[in-house]
PDB file of N, CA and C in Angstrom:
ATOM      1  N   UNK A   1      26.302  -1.436  -7.391  1.00  0.00           N
ATOM      2  CA  UNK A   1      25.077  -1.563  -7.007  1.00  0.00           C
ATOM      3  C   UNK A   1      24.525  -2.567  -7.739  1.00  0.00           C
ATOM      4  N   UNK A   2      23.497  -3.186  -7.423  1.00  0.00           N
ATOM      5  CA  UNK A   2      22.723  -4.444  -7.782  1.00  0.00           C
ATOM      6  C   UNK A   2      21.908  -3.795  -8.964  1.00  0.00           C
ATOM      7  N   UNK A   3      21.682  -4.602  -9.994  1.00  0.00           N
ATOM      8  CA  UNK A   3      20.618  -4.331 -11.071  1.00  0.00           C
ATOM      9  C   UNK A   3      19.320  -3.866 -10.429  1.00  0.00           C
ATOM     10  N   UNK A   4      18.696  -3.158 -10.894  1.00  0.00           N
ATOM     11  CA  UNK A   4      17.138  -3.001 -10.720  1.00  0.00           C
ATOM     12  C   UNK A   4      16.257  -2.767 -11.908  1.00  0.00           C
ATOM     13  N   UNK A   5      14.872  -3.175 -11.721  1.00  0.00           N
ATOM     14  CA  UNK A   5      14.090  -3.066 -12.974  1.00  0.00           C
ATOM     15  C   UNK A   5      13.018  -1.916 -12.660  1.00  0.00           C
ATOM     16  N   UNK A   6      13.177  -1.225 -11.353  1.00  0.00           N
ATOM     17  CA  UNK A   6      12.283  -0.168 -11.167  1.00  0.00           C
ATOM     18  C   UNK A   6      13.035   1.206 -11.074  1.00  0.00           C
ATOM     19  N   UNK A   7      12.331   2.346 -11.664  1.00  0.00           N
ATOM     20  CA  UNK A   7      12.861   3.303 -11.910  1.00  0.00           C
ATOM     21  C   UNK A   7      13.003   4.111 -10.618  1.00  0.00           C
ATOM     22  N   UNK A   8      14.031   5.232 -10.584  1.00  0.00           N
ATOM     23  CA  UNK A   8      14.099   5.925  -9.232  1.00  0.00           C
ATOM     24  C   UNK A   8      12.883   6.478  -8.710  1.00  0.00           C
ATOM     25  N   UNK A   9      12.040   7.083 -10.102  1.00  0.00           N
ATOM     26  CA  UNK A   9      10.844   7.877  -9.633  1.00  0.00           C
ATOM     27  C   UNK A   9       9.725   6.954  -9.213  1.00  0.00           C
ATOM     28  N   UNK A  10       9.693   5.677  -9.654  1.00  0.00           N
ATOM     29  CA  UNK A  10       8.431   4.963  -9.137  1.00  0.00           C
ATOM     30  C   UNK A  10       8.934   4.476  -7.751  1.00  0.00           C
ATOM     31  N   UNK A  11      10.308   4.103  -7.589  1.00  0.00           N
ATOM     32  CA  UNK A  11      10.344   3.608  -6.341  1.00  0.00           C
ATOM     33  C   UNK A  11      10.251   4.618  -5.223  1.00  0.00           C
ATOM     34  N   UNK A  12      10.631   6.079  -5.409  1.00  0.00           N
ATOM     35  CA  UNK A  12      10.503   6.999  -4.543  1.00  0.00           C
ATOM     36  C   UNK A  12       8.905   7.369  -4.290  1.00  0.00           C
ATOM     37  N   UNK A  13       8.109   7.408  -5.509  1.00  0.00           N
ATOM     38  CA  UNK A  13       6.783   7.804  -5.423  1.00  0.00           C
ATOM     39  C   UNK A  13       6.094   6.731  -4.597  1.00  0.00           C
ATOM     40  N   UNK A  14       6.447   5.395  -4.622  1.00  0.00           N
ATOM     41  CA  UNK A  14       5.753   4.273  -4.036  1.00  0.00           C
ATOM     42  C   UNK A  14       6.060   4.460  -2.617  1.00  0.00           C
ATOM     43  N   UNK A  15       7.189   4.600  -2.249  1.00  0.00           N
ATOM     44  CA  UNK A  15       7.581   4.890  -0.854  1.00  0.00           C
ATOM     45  C   UNK A  15       7.109   6.258  -0.132  1.00  0.00           C
ATOM     46  N   UNK A  16       6.686   7.150  -1.003  1.00  0.00           N
ATOM     47  CA  UNK A  16       6.069   8.322  -0.343  1.00  0.00           C
ATOM     48  C   UNK A  16       4.545   7.897  -0.045  1.00  0.00           C
ATOM     49  N   UNK A  17       3.637   7.654  -1.142  1.00  0.00           N
ATOM     50  CA  UNK A  17       2.559   7.526  -1.064  1.00  0.00           C
ATOM     51  C   UNK A  17       1.926   6.120  -0.194  1.00  0.00           C
ATOM     52  N   UNK A  18       2.837   5.189  -0.178  1.00  0.00           N
ATOM     53  CA  UNK A  18       2.710   4.029   0.778  1.00  0.00           C
ATOM     54  C   UNK A  18       3.305   4.522   2.290  1.00  0.00           C
ATOM     55  N   UNK A  19       2.436   5.180   3.142  1.00  0.00           N
ATOM     56  CA  UNK A  19       2.732   5.714   4.112  1.00  0.00           C
ATOM     57  C   UNK A  19       2.686   4.963   5.285  1.00  0.00           C
ATOM     58  N   UNK A  20       2.202   3.754   5.303  1.00  0.00           N
ATOM     59  CA  UNK A  20       2.105   2.799   6.451  1.00  0.00           C
ATOM     60  C   UNK A  20       3.344   1.698   6.341  1.00  0.00           C
ATOM     61  N   UNK A  21       3.657   1.560   7.742  1.00  0.00           N
ATOM     62  CA  UNK A  21       4.778   0.560   7.665  1.00  0.00           C
ATOM     63  C   UNK A  21       4.287  -0.882   7.227  1.00  0.00           C
ATOM     64  N   UNK A  22       5.198  -1.832   7.167  1.00  0.00           N
ATOM     65  CA  UNK A  22       4.628  -3.034   6.868  1.00  0.00           C
ATOM     66  C   UNK A  22       3.882  -3.716   8.167  1.00  0.00           C
ATOM     67  N   UNK A  23       4.372  -3.266   9.341  1.00  0.00           N
ATOM     68  CA  UNK A  23       3.668  -3.859  10.400  1.00  0.00           C
ATOM     69  C   UNK A  23       2.342  -3.311  10.479  1.00  0.00           C
ATOM     70  N   UNK A  24       2.179  -1.725  10.204  1.00  0.00           N
ATOM     71  CA  UNK A  24       0.830  -1.185  10.358  1.00  0.00           C
ATOM     72  C   UNK A  24      -0.079  -1.913   9.174  1.00  0.00           C
ATOM     73  N   UNK A  25       0.443  -2.170   8.081  1.00  0.00           N
ATOM     74  CA  UNK A  25      -0.448  -2.577   6.894  1.00  0.00           C
ATOM     75  C   UNK A  25      -0.841  -4.083   7.372  1.00  0.00           C
ATOM     76  N   UNK A  26      -0.036  -4.816   7.758  1.00  0.00           N
ATOM     77  CA  UNK A  26      -0.072  -6.239   8.231  1.00  0.00           C
ATOM     78  C   UNK A  26      -1.201  -6.223   9.175  1.00  0.00           C
ATOM     79  N   UNK A  27      -1.046  -5.554  10.174  1.00  0.00           N
ATOM     80  CA  UNK A  27      -2.048  -5.503  11.160  1.00  0.00           C
ATOM     81  C   UNK A  27      -3.537  -4.934  10.810  1.00  0.00           C
ATOM     82  N   UNK A  28      -3.333  -3.863   9.820  1.00  0.00           N
ATOM     83  CA  UNK A  28      -4.674  -3.444   9.343  1.00  0.00           C
ATOM     84  C   UNK A  28      -5.310  -4.560   8.455  1.00  0.00           C
ATOM     85  N   UNK A  29      -4.600  -5.267   7.661  1.00  0.00           N
ATOM     86  CA  UNK A  29      -5.239  -6.235   6.757  1.00  0.00           C
ATOM     87  C   UNK A  29      -5.977  -7.334   7.666  1.00  0.00           C
ATOM     88  N   UNK A  30      -5.136  -7.802   8.725  1.00  0.00           N
ATOM     89  CA  UNK A  30      -5.586  -8.679   9.665  1.00  0.00           C
ATOM     90  C   UNK A  30      -7.117  -8.324  10.230  1.00  0.00           C
ATOM     91  N   UNK A  31      -7.030  -7.074  10.591  1.00  0.00           N
ATOM     92  CA  UNK A  31      -8.202  -6.524  11.375  1.00  0.00           C
ATOM     93  C   UNK A  31      -9.449  -6.359  10.245  1.00  0.00           C
ATOM     94  N   UNK A  32      -9.106  -5.794   9.150  1.00  0.00           N
ATOM     95  CA  UNK A  32     -10.150  -5.596   8.146  1.00  0.00           C
ATOM     96  C   UNK A  32     -10.546  -6.936   7.406  1.00  0.00           C
ATOM     97  N   UNK A  33      -9.806  -8.029   7.691  1.00  0.00           N
ATOM     98  CA  UNK A  33     -10.133  -9.278   7.040  1.00  0.00           C
ATOM     99  C   UNK A  33     -11.086  -9.983   7.918  1.00  0.00           C
ATOM    100  N   UNK A  34     -11.124  -9.647   9.243  1.00  0.00           N
ATOM    101  CA  UNK A  34     -11.834 -10.384  10.001  1.00  0.00           C
ATOM    102  C   UNK A  34     -13.388  -9.936  10.077  1.00  0.00           C
ATOM    103  N   UNK A  35     -14.219 -10.965   9.999  1.00  0.00           N
ATOM    104  CA  UNK A  35     -15.562 -10.653   9.925  1.00  0.00           C
ATOM    105  C   UNK A  35     -16.334 -11.356  10.976  1.00  0.00           C
ATOM    106  N   UNK A  36     -17.721 -11.188  10.833  1.00  0.00           N
ATOM    107  CA  UNK A  36     -18.623 -11.861  11.782  1.00  0.00           C
ATOM    108  C   UNK A  36     -18.910 -13.421  11.253  1.00  0.00           C
ATOM    109  N   UNK A  37     -18.796 -13.455   9.882  1.00  0.00           N
ATOM    110  CA  UNK A  37     -19.168 -14.739   9.177  1.00  0.00           C
ATOM    111  C   UNK A  37     -18.004 -15.640   9.094  1.00  0.00           C
ATOM    112  N   UNK A  38     -16.872 -15.049   8.833  1.00  0.00           N
ATOM    113  CA  UNK A  38     -15.706 -15.674   8.829  1.00  0.00           C
ATOM    114  C   UNK A  38     -14.357 -15.094   9.487  1.00  0.00           C
ATOM    115  N   UNK A  39     -13.568 -15.754   9.882  1.00  0.00           N
ATOM    116  CA  UNK A  39     -12.396 -15.509  10.513  1.00  0.00           C
ATOM    117  C   UNK A  39     -11.139 -15.967   9.744  1.00  0.00           C
ATOM    118  N   UNK A  40     -10.574 -15.172   8.751  1.00  0.00           N
ATOM    119  CA  UNK A  40      -9.526 -15.474   7.698  1.00  0.00           C
ATOM    120  C   UNK A  40      -8.372 -15.862   8.512  1.00  0.00           C
ATOM    121  N   UNK A  41      -7.542 -16.621   7.996  1.00  0.00           N
ATOM    122  CA  UNK A  41      -5.974 -16.880   8.499  1.00  0.00           C
ATOM    123  C   UNK A  41      -5.415 -15.512   8.494  1.00  0.00           C
ATOM    124  N   UNK A  42      -4.554 -15.104   9.618  1.00  0.00           N
ATOM    125  CA  UNK A  42      -3.925 -13.933   9.585  1.00  0.00           C
ATOM    126  C   UNK A  42      -3.157 -13.471   8.420  1.00  0.00           C
ATOM    127  N   UNK A  43      -2.512 -14.381   7.831  1.00  0.00           N
ATOM    128  CA  UNK A  43      -1.668 -14.196   6.428  1.00  0.00           C
ATOM    129  C   UNK A  43      -2.530 -14.039   5.395  1.00  0.00           C
ATOM    130  N   UNK A  44      -3.740 -14.432   5.443  1.00  0.00           N
ATOM    131  CA  UNK A  44      -4.507 -14.484   4.141  1.00  0.00           C
ATOM    132  C   UNK A  44      -5.790 -13.259   4.305  1.00  0.00           C
ATOM    133  N   UNK A  45      -5.731 -12.675   5.449  1.00  0.00           N
ATOM    134  CA  UNK A  45      -6.929 -11.703   5.599  1.00  0.00           C
ATOM    135  C   UNK A  45      -6.472 -10.334   4.843  1.00  0.00           C
ATOM    136  N   UNK A  46      -7.640  -9.820   4.463  1.00  0.00           N
ATOM    137  CA  UNK A  46      -7.607  -8.410   3.845  1.00  0.00           C
ATOM    138  C   UNK A  46      -7.413  -8.684   2.259  1.00  0.00           C
ATOM    139  N   UNK A  47      -7.078  -7.485   1.511  1.00  0.00           N
ATOM    140  CA  UNK A  47      -7.171  -7.489   0.085  1.00  0.00           C
ATOM    141  C   UNK A  47      -5.961  -8.045  -0.494  1.00  0.00           C
ATOM    142  N   UNK A  48      -6.078  -8.850  -1.703  1.00  0.00           N
ATOM    143  CA  UNK A  48      -4.939  -9.417  -2.331  1.00  0.00           C
ATOM    144  C   UNK A  48      -4.134  -8.214  -2.873  1.00  0.00           C
ATOM    145  N   UNK A  49      -4.453  -7.094  -3.103  1.00  0.00           N
ATOM    146  CA  UNK A  49      -3.566  -5.870  -3.647  1.00  0.00           C
ATOM    147  C   UNK A  49      -2.905  -5.692  -2.364  1.00  0.00           C
ATOM    148  N   UNK A  50      -3.290  -5.568  -1.147  1.00  0.00           N
ATOM    149  CA  UNK A  50      -2.747  -5.062   0.237  1.00  0.00           C
ATOM    150  C   UNK A  50      -1.530  -6.121   0.333  1.00  0.00           C
ATOM    151  N   UNK A  51      -1.809  -7.394   0.247  1.00  0.00           N
ATOM    152  CA  UNK A  51      -0.731  -8.363   0.303  1.00  0.00           C
ATOM    153  C   UNK A  51       0.342  -8.226  -0.396  1.00  0.00           C
ATOM    154  N   UNK A  52       0.228  -8.019  -1.852  1.00  0.00           N
ATOM    155  CA  UNK A  52       0.987  -7.575  -2.731  1.00  0.00           C
ATOM    156  C   UNK A  52       1.948  -6.322  -2.268  1.00  0.00           C
ATOM    157  N   UNK A  53       1.301  -5.219  -1.880  1.00  0.00           N
ATOM    158  CA  UNK A  53       2.049  -4.198  -1.252  1.00  0.00           C
ATOM    159  C   UNK A  53       2.775  -4.694  -0.096  1.00  0.00           C
ATOM    160  N   UNK A  54       2.374  -5.469   0.732  1.00  0.00           N
ATOM    161  CA  UNK A  54       3.193  -5.829   1.854  1.00  0.00           C
ATOM    162  C   UNK A  54       4.280  -6.502   1.634  1.00  0.00           C
ATOM    163  N   UNK A  55       4.090  -7.420   0.567  1.00  0.00           N
ATOM    164  CA  UNK A  55       5.278  -8.220   0.073  1.00  0.00           C
ATOM    165  C   UNK A  55       6.450  -7.312  -0.594  1.00  0.00           C
ATOM    166  N   UNK A  56       5.929  -6.317  -1.081  1.00  0.00           N
ATOM    167  CA  UNK A  56       6.883  -5.404  -1.858  1.00  0.00           C
ATOM    168  C   UNK A  56       7.553  -4.568  -0.871  1.00  0.00           C
ATOM    169  N   UNK A  57       6.908  -4.395   0.222  1.00  0.00           N
ATOM    170  CA  UNK A  57       7.596  -3.560   1.435  1.00  0.00           C
ATOM    171  C   UNK A  57       8.632  -4.388   1.965  1.00  0.00           C
ATOM    172  N   UNK A  58       8.467  -5.585   1.959  1.00  0.00           N
ATOM    173  CA  UNK A  58       9.540  -6.764   2.674  1.00  0.00           C
ATOM    174  C   UNK A  58      10.646  -7.076   1.429  1.00  0.00           C
ATOM    175  N   UNK A  59      10.759  -6.500   0.426  1.00  0.00           N
ATOM    176  CA  UNK A  59      11.812  -6.799  -0.422  1.00  0.00           C
ATOM    177  C   UNK A  59      12.850  -5.645  -0.553  1.00  0.00           C
ATOM    178  N   UNK A  60      13.973  -6.217  -0.929  1.00  0.00           N
ATOM    179  CA  UNK A  60      15.037  -5.118  -1.211  1.00  0.00           C
ATOM    180  C   UNK A  60      14.736  -4.708  -2.861  1.00  0.00           C
ATOM    181  N   UNK A  61      15.007  -3.506  -3.396  1.00  0.00           N
ATOM    182  CA  UNK A  61      14.644  -3.064  -4.550  1.00  0.00           C
ATOM    183  C   UNK A  61      15.368  -3.870  -5.759  1.00  0.00           C
ATOM    184  N   UNK A  62      16.434  -4.587  -5.480  1.00  0.00           N
ATOM    185  CA  UNK A  62      17.059  -5.439  -6.412  1.00  0.00           C
ATOM    186  C   UNK A  62      16.314  -6.769  -6.630  1.00  0.00           C
ATOM    187  N   UNK A  63      15.495  -6.941  -5.672  1.00  0.00           N
ATOM    188  CA  UNK A  63      14.714  -8.207  -5.713  1.00  0.00           C
ATOM    189  C   UNK A  63      13.221  -8.285  -6.328  1.00  0.00           C
ATOM    190  N   UNK A  64      12.971  -6.876  -6.759  1.00  0.00           N
ATOM    191  CA  UNK A  64      11.542  -6.761  -7.297  1.00  0.00           C
ATOM    192  C   UNK A  64      11.411  -7.491  -8.591  1.00  0.00           C
ATOM    193  N   UNK A  65      10.451  -7.971  -8.958  1.00  0.00           N
ATOM    194  CA  UNK A  65      10.036  -8.612 -10.182  1.00  0.00           C
ATOM    195  C   UNK A  65       9.138  -7.686 -11.040  1.00  0.00           C
ATOM    196  N   UNK A  66       8.927  -7.940 -12.339  1.00  0.00           N
ATOM    197  CA  UNK A  66       8.014  -7.213 -13.147  1.00  0.00           C
ATOM    198  C   UNK A  66       6.622  -7.190 -12.773  1.00  0.00           C
ATOM    199  N   UNK A  67       6.159  -8.117 -11.990  1.00  0.00           N
ATOM    200  CA  UNK A  67       4.825  -8.049 -11.314  1.00  0.00           C
ATOM    201  C   UNK A  67       4.792  -7.232 -10.335  1.00  0.00           C
ATOM    202  N   UNK A  68       5.933  -6.970  -9.554  1.00  0.00           N
ATOM    203  CA  UNK A  68       6.101  -6.049  -8.378  1.00  0.00           C
ATOM    204  C   UNK A  68       5.850  -4.677  -8.964  1.00  0.00           C
ATOM    205  N   UNK A  69       6.703  -4.384  -9.987  1.00  0.00           N
ATOM    206  CA  UNK A  69       6.666  -3.041 -10.569  1.00  0.00           C
ATOM    207  C   UNK A  69       5.452  -2.674 -11.153  1.00  0.00           C
ATOM    208  N   UNK A  70       4.680  -3.643 -11.645  1.00  0.00           N
ATOM    209  CA  UNK A  70       3.239  -3.341 -12.051  1.00  0.00           C
ATOM    210  C   UNK A  70       2.323  -3.050 -10.907  1.00  0.00           C
ATOM    211  N   UNK A  71       2.406  -3.736  -9.830  1.00  0.00           N
ATOM    212  CA  UNK A  71       1.533  -3.447  -8.660  1.00  0.00           C
ATOM    213  C   UNK A  71       2.057  -1.975  -7.944  1.00  0.00           C
ATOM    214  N   UNK A  72       3.395  -1.783  -8.040  1.00  0.00           N
ATOM    215  CA  UNK A  72       3.887  -0.424  -7.346  1.00  0.00           C
ATOM    216  C   UNK A  72       3.339   0.694  -8.456  1.00  0.00           C
ATOM    217  N   UNK A  73       3.446   0.541  -9.620  1.00  0.00           N
ATOM    218  CA  UNK A  73       2.811   1.573 -10.442  1.00  0.00           C
ATOM    219  C   UNK A  73       1.320   1.741 -10.335  1.00  0.00           C
ATOM    220  N   UNK A  74       0.588   0.638 -10.145  1.00  0.00           N
ATOM    221  CA  UNK A  74      -0.908   0.753 -10.043  1.00  0.00           C
ATOM    222  C   UNK A  74      -1.378   1.239  -8.696  1.00  0.00           C
ATOM    223  N   UNK A  75      -0.492   0.950  -7.675  1.00  0.00           N
ATOM    224  CA  UNK A  75      -0.788   1.428  -6.462  1.00  0.00           C
ATOM    225  C   UNK A  75      -0.569   2.966  -6.286  1.00  0.00           C
ATOM    226  N   UNK A  76       0.651   3.473  -6.725  1.00  0.00           N
ATOM    227  CA  UNK A  76       1.028   4.845  -6.839  1.00  0.00           C
ATOM    228  C   UNK A  76      -0.160   5.623  -7.841  1.00  0.00           C
ATOM    229  N   UNK A  77      -0.679   5.187  -8.832  1.00  0.00           N
ATOM    230  CA  UNK A  77      -1.713   5.898  -9.626  1.00  0.00           C
ATOM    231  C   UNK A  77      -2.988   5.933  -8.972  1.00  0.00           C
ATOM    232  N   UNK A  78      -3.308   4.828  -8.296  1.00  0.00           N
ATOM    233  CA  UNK A  78      -4.641   4.761  -7.678  1.00  0.00           C
ATOM    234  C   UNK A  78      -4.596   5.656  -6.465  1.00  0.00           C
ATOM    235  N   UNK A  79      -3.599   5.667  -5.606  1.00  0.00           N
ATOM    236  CA  UNK A  79      -3.655   6.634  -4.366  1.00  0.00           C
ATOM    237  C   UNK A  79      -3.581   8.264  -4.905  1.00  0.00           C
ATOM    238  N   UNK A  80      -2.917   8.387  -5.874  1.00  0.00           N
ATOM    239  CA  UNK A  80      -2.680   9.771  -6.335  1.00  0.00           C
ATOM    240  C   UNK A  80      -4.077  10.123  -6.836  1.00  0.00           C
ATOM    241  N   UNK A  81      -4.942   9.334  -7.515  1.00  0.00           N
ATOM    242  CA  UNK A  81      -6.149   9.609  -8.261  1.00  0.00           C
ATOM    243  C   UNK A  81      -7.256   9.776  -7.151  1.00  0.00           C
ATOM    244  N   UNK A  82      -7.209   8.785  -5.886  1.00  0.00           N
ATOM    245  CA  UNK A  82      -8.056   9.052  -4.942  1.00  0.00           C
ATOM    246  C   UNK A  82      -8.026  10.121  -4.158  1.00  0.00           C
ATOM    247  N   UNK A  83      -6.710  10.549  -3.808  1.00  0.00           N
ATOM    248  CA  UNK A  83      -6.365  11.625  -3.340  1.00  0.00           C
ATOM    249  C   UNK A  83      -6.509  13.087  -4.053  1.00  0.00           C
ATOM    250  N   UNK A  84      -6.687  12.844  -5.407  1.00  0.00           N
ATOM    251  CA  UNK A  84      -7.025  14.159  -6.150  1.00  0.00           C
ATOM    252  C   UNK A  84      -5.835  14.883  -6.617  1.00  0.00           C
ATOM    253  N   UNK A  85      -4.776  14.085  -6.638  1.00  0.00           N
ATOM    254  CA  UNK A  85      -3.539  14.794  -7.310  1.00  0.00           C
ATOM    255  C   UNK A  85      -2.445  14.554  -6.102  1.00  0.00           C
ATOM    256  N   UNK A  86      -1.249  15.197  -6.130  1.00  0.00           N
ATOM    257  CA  UNK A  86      -0.123  14.842  -5.503  1.00  0.00           C
ATOM    258  C   UNK A  86       0.129  15.281  -4.105  1.00  0.00           C
ATOM    259  N   UNK A  87      -0.911  16.324  -3.983  1.00  0.00           N
ATOM    260  CA  UNK A  87      -0.909  16.833  -2.519  1.00  0.00           C
ATOM    261  C   UNK A  87      -1.468  15.866  -1.629  1.00  0.00           C
ATOM    262  N   UNK A  88      -0.412  15.524  -0.538  1.00  0.00           N
ATOM    263  CA  UNK A  88      -0.729  14.358   0.437  1.00  0.00           C
ATOM    264  C   UNK A  88      -0.604  15.088   1.864  1.00  0.00           C
ATOM    265  N   UNK A  89      -1.316  16.016   2.162  1.00  0.00           N
ATOM    266  CA  UNK A  89      -1.555  16.486   3.349  1.00  0.00           C
ATOM    267  C   UNK A  89      -2.649  15.751   4.049  1.00  0.00           C
ATOM    268  N   UNK A  90      -2.291  15.428   5.402  1.00  0.00           N
ATOM    269  CA  UNK A  90      -3.421  14.598   6.027  1.00  0.00           C
ATOM    270  C   UNK A  90      -4.917  15.265   5.849  1.00  0.00           C
ATOM    271  N   UNK A  91      -5.635  14.219   5.411  1.00  0.00           N
ATOM    272  CA  UNK A  91      -7.174  14.733   4.992  1.00  0.00           C
ATOM    273  C   UNK A  91      -8.038  13.447   5.573  1.00  0.00           C
ATOM    274  N   UNK A  92      -9.239  14.182   6.194  1.00  0.00           N
ATOM    275  CA  UNK A  92     -10.169  13.386   6.613  1.00  0.00           C
ATOM    276  C   UNK A  92     -11.060  13.066   5.504  1.00  0.00           C
ATOM    277  N   UNK A  93     -11.873  12.171   5.527  1.00  0.00           N
ATOM    278  CA  UNK A  93     -12.879  11.801   4.363  1.00  0.00           C
ATOM    279  C   UNK A  93     -13.677  10.632   4.930  1.00  0.00           C
ATOM    280  N   UNK A  94     -14.536  10.354   3.965  1.00  0.00           N
ATOM    281  CA  UNK A  94     -15.552   9.110   4.239  1.00  0.00           C
ATOM    282  C   UNK A  94     -14.780   7.981   4.787  1.00  0.00           C
ATOM    283  N   UNK A  95     -15.287   7.235   5.709  1.00  0.00           N
ATOM    284  CA  UNK A  95     -14.676   6.021   6.280  1.00  0.00           C
ATOM    285  C   UNK A  95     -14.558   5.013   5.308  1.00  0.00           C
ATOM    286  N   UNK A  96     -15.308   4.856   4.367  1.00  0.00           N
ATOM    287  CA  UNK A  96     -15.114   3.739   3.255  1.00  0.00           C
ATOM    288  C   UNK A  96     -13.902   4.171   2.344  1.00  0.00           C
ATOM    289  N   UNK A  97     -13.806   5.517   1.928  1.00  0.00           N
ATOM    290  CA  UNK A  97     -12.632   5.958   1.223  1.00  0.00           C
ATOM    291  C   UNK A  97     -11.403   5.666   2.007  1.00  0.00           C
ATOM    292  N   UNK A  98     -11.304   5.967   3.367  1.00  0.00           N
ATOM    293  CA  UNK A  98     -10.182   5.912   4.038  1.00  0.00           C
ATOM    294  C   UNK A  98      -9.767   4.417   4.215  1.00  0.00           C
ATOM    295  N   UNK A  99     -10.722   3.511   4.611  1.00  0.00           N
ATOM    296  CA  UNK A  99     -10.571   2.098   4.519  1.00  0.00           C
ATOM    297  C   UNK A  99      -9.896   1.459   3.110  1.00  0.00           C
ATOM    298  N   UNK A 100     -10.496   1.974   2.056  1.00  0.00           N
ATOM    299  CA  UNK A 100     -10.119   1.410   0.770  1.00  0.00           C
ATOM    300  C   UNK A 100      -8.521   1.899   0.544  1.00  0.00           C
ATOM    301  N   UNK A 101      -8.192   3.118   0.894  1.00  0.00           N
ATOM    302  CA  UNK A 101      -6.853   3.431   0.861  1.00  0.00           C
ATOM    303  C   UNK A 101      -5.822   2.824   1.723  1.00  0.00           C
ATOM    304  N   UNK A 102      -6.339   2.620   2.992  1.00  0.00           N
ATOM    305  CA  UNK A 102      -5.592   1.752   3.884  1.00  0.00           C
ATOM    306  C   UNK A 102      -5.310   0.529   3.511  1.00  0.00           C
ATOM    307  N   UNK A 103      -6.330  -0.155   2.863  1.00  0.00           N
ATOM    308  CA  UNK A 103      -6.246  -1.604   2.220  1.00  0.00           C
ATOM    309  C   UNK A 103      -5.008  -1.834   1.415  1.00  0.00           C
ATOM    310  N   UNK A 104      -4.408  -0.675   0.863  1.00  0.00           N
ATOM    311  CA  UNK A 104      -3.309  -0.757  -0.079  1.00  0.00           C
ATOM    312  C   UNK A 104      -2.224   0.110   0.532  1.00  0.00           C
ATOM    313  N   UNK A 105      -2.158   0.394   1.871  1.00  0.00           N
ATOM    314  CA  UNK A 105      -0.954   0.941   2.396  1.00  0.00           C
ATOM    315  C   UNK A 105      -0.900   2.493   2.672  1.00  0.00           C
ATOM    316  N   UNK A 106      -1.932   3.136   2.271  1.00  0.00           N
ATOM    317  CA  UNK A 106      -1.929   4.643   2.512  1.00  0.00           C
ATOM    318  C   UNK A 106      -2.872   5.006   3.484  1.00  0.00           C
ATOM    319  N   UNK A 107      -2.530   5.600   4.501  1.00  0.00           N
ATOM    320  CA  UNK A 107      -3.449   6.272   5.599  1.00  0.00           C
ATOM    321  C   UNK A 107      -3.658   7.643   5.220  1.00  0.00           C
ATOM    322  N   UNK A 108      -4.944   8.150   4.619  1.00  0.00           N
ATOM    323  CA  UNK A 108      -4.881   9.689   4.464  1.00  0.00           C
ATOM    324  C   UNK A 108      -4.729  10.405   5.772  1.00  0.00           C
ATOM    325  N   UNK A 109      -4.995  10.063   6.797  1.00  0.00           N
ATOM    326  CA  UNK A 109      -4.745  10.994   8.088  1.00  0.00           C
ATOM    327  C   UNK A 109      -3.430  10.997   8.686  1.00  0.00           C
ATOM    328  N   UNK A 110      -2.448  10.305   8.008  1.00  0.00           N
ATOM    329  CA  UNK A 110      -1.159  10.008   8.574  1.00  0.00           C
ATOM    330  C   UNK A 110      -0.145  11.067   7.695  1.00  0.00           C
ATOM    331  N   UNK A 111       0.594  11.742   8.192  1.00  0.00           N
ATOM    332  CA  UNK A 111       1.528  12.522   7.433  1.00  0.00           C
ATOM    333  C   UNK A 111       2.317  11.705   6.275  1.00  0.00           C
ATOM    334  N   UNK A 112       2.424  12.240   5.212  1.00  0.00           N
ATOM    335  CA  UNK A 112       3.251  11.590   4.278  1.00  0.00           C
ATOM    336  C   UNK A 112       4.692  12.203   4.310  1.00  0.00           C
ATOM    337  N   UNK A 113       5.817  11.413   3.980  1.00  0.00           N
ATOM    338  CA  UNK A 113       7.107  11.687   3.869  1.00  0.00           C
ATOM    339  C   UNK A 113       7.913  11.463   5.077  1.00  0.00           C
TER     340      UNK A 113
END
């Protein structure tokens, strides 16, 4: 097995809380980044953190960098805090709240797991 710098716990937690596929996230970032004033290039639209999550989703575990691990930890912590704990049942909420979570790969209306 190849060496990895990410713990099993963080790897699993990340892939549980980030419940959007890379395609869903890429499409979301493109839509979210499009505005009336500007039309960002598709690969540059959306949040920087969202693009980091997207890049991580496209990597093998053995290819992760220390920066990737830091982003994974930040995303897991943020999603758990925003969701009010580790209970990840589909939940409706304010539109801005849902959009902020979707910007980093978590759709609170989508079942986790």
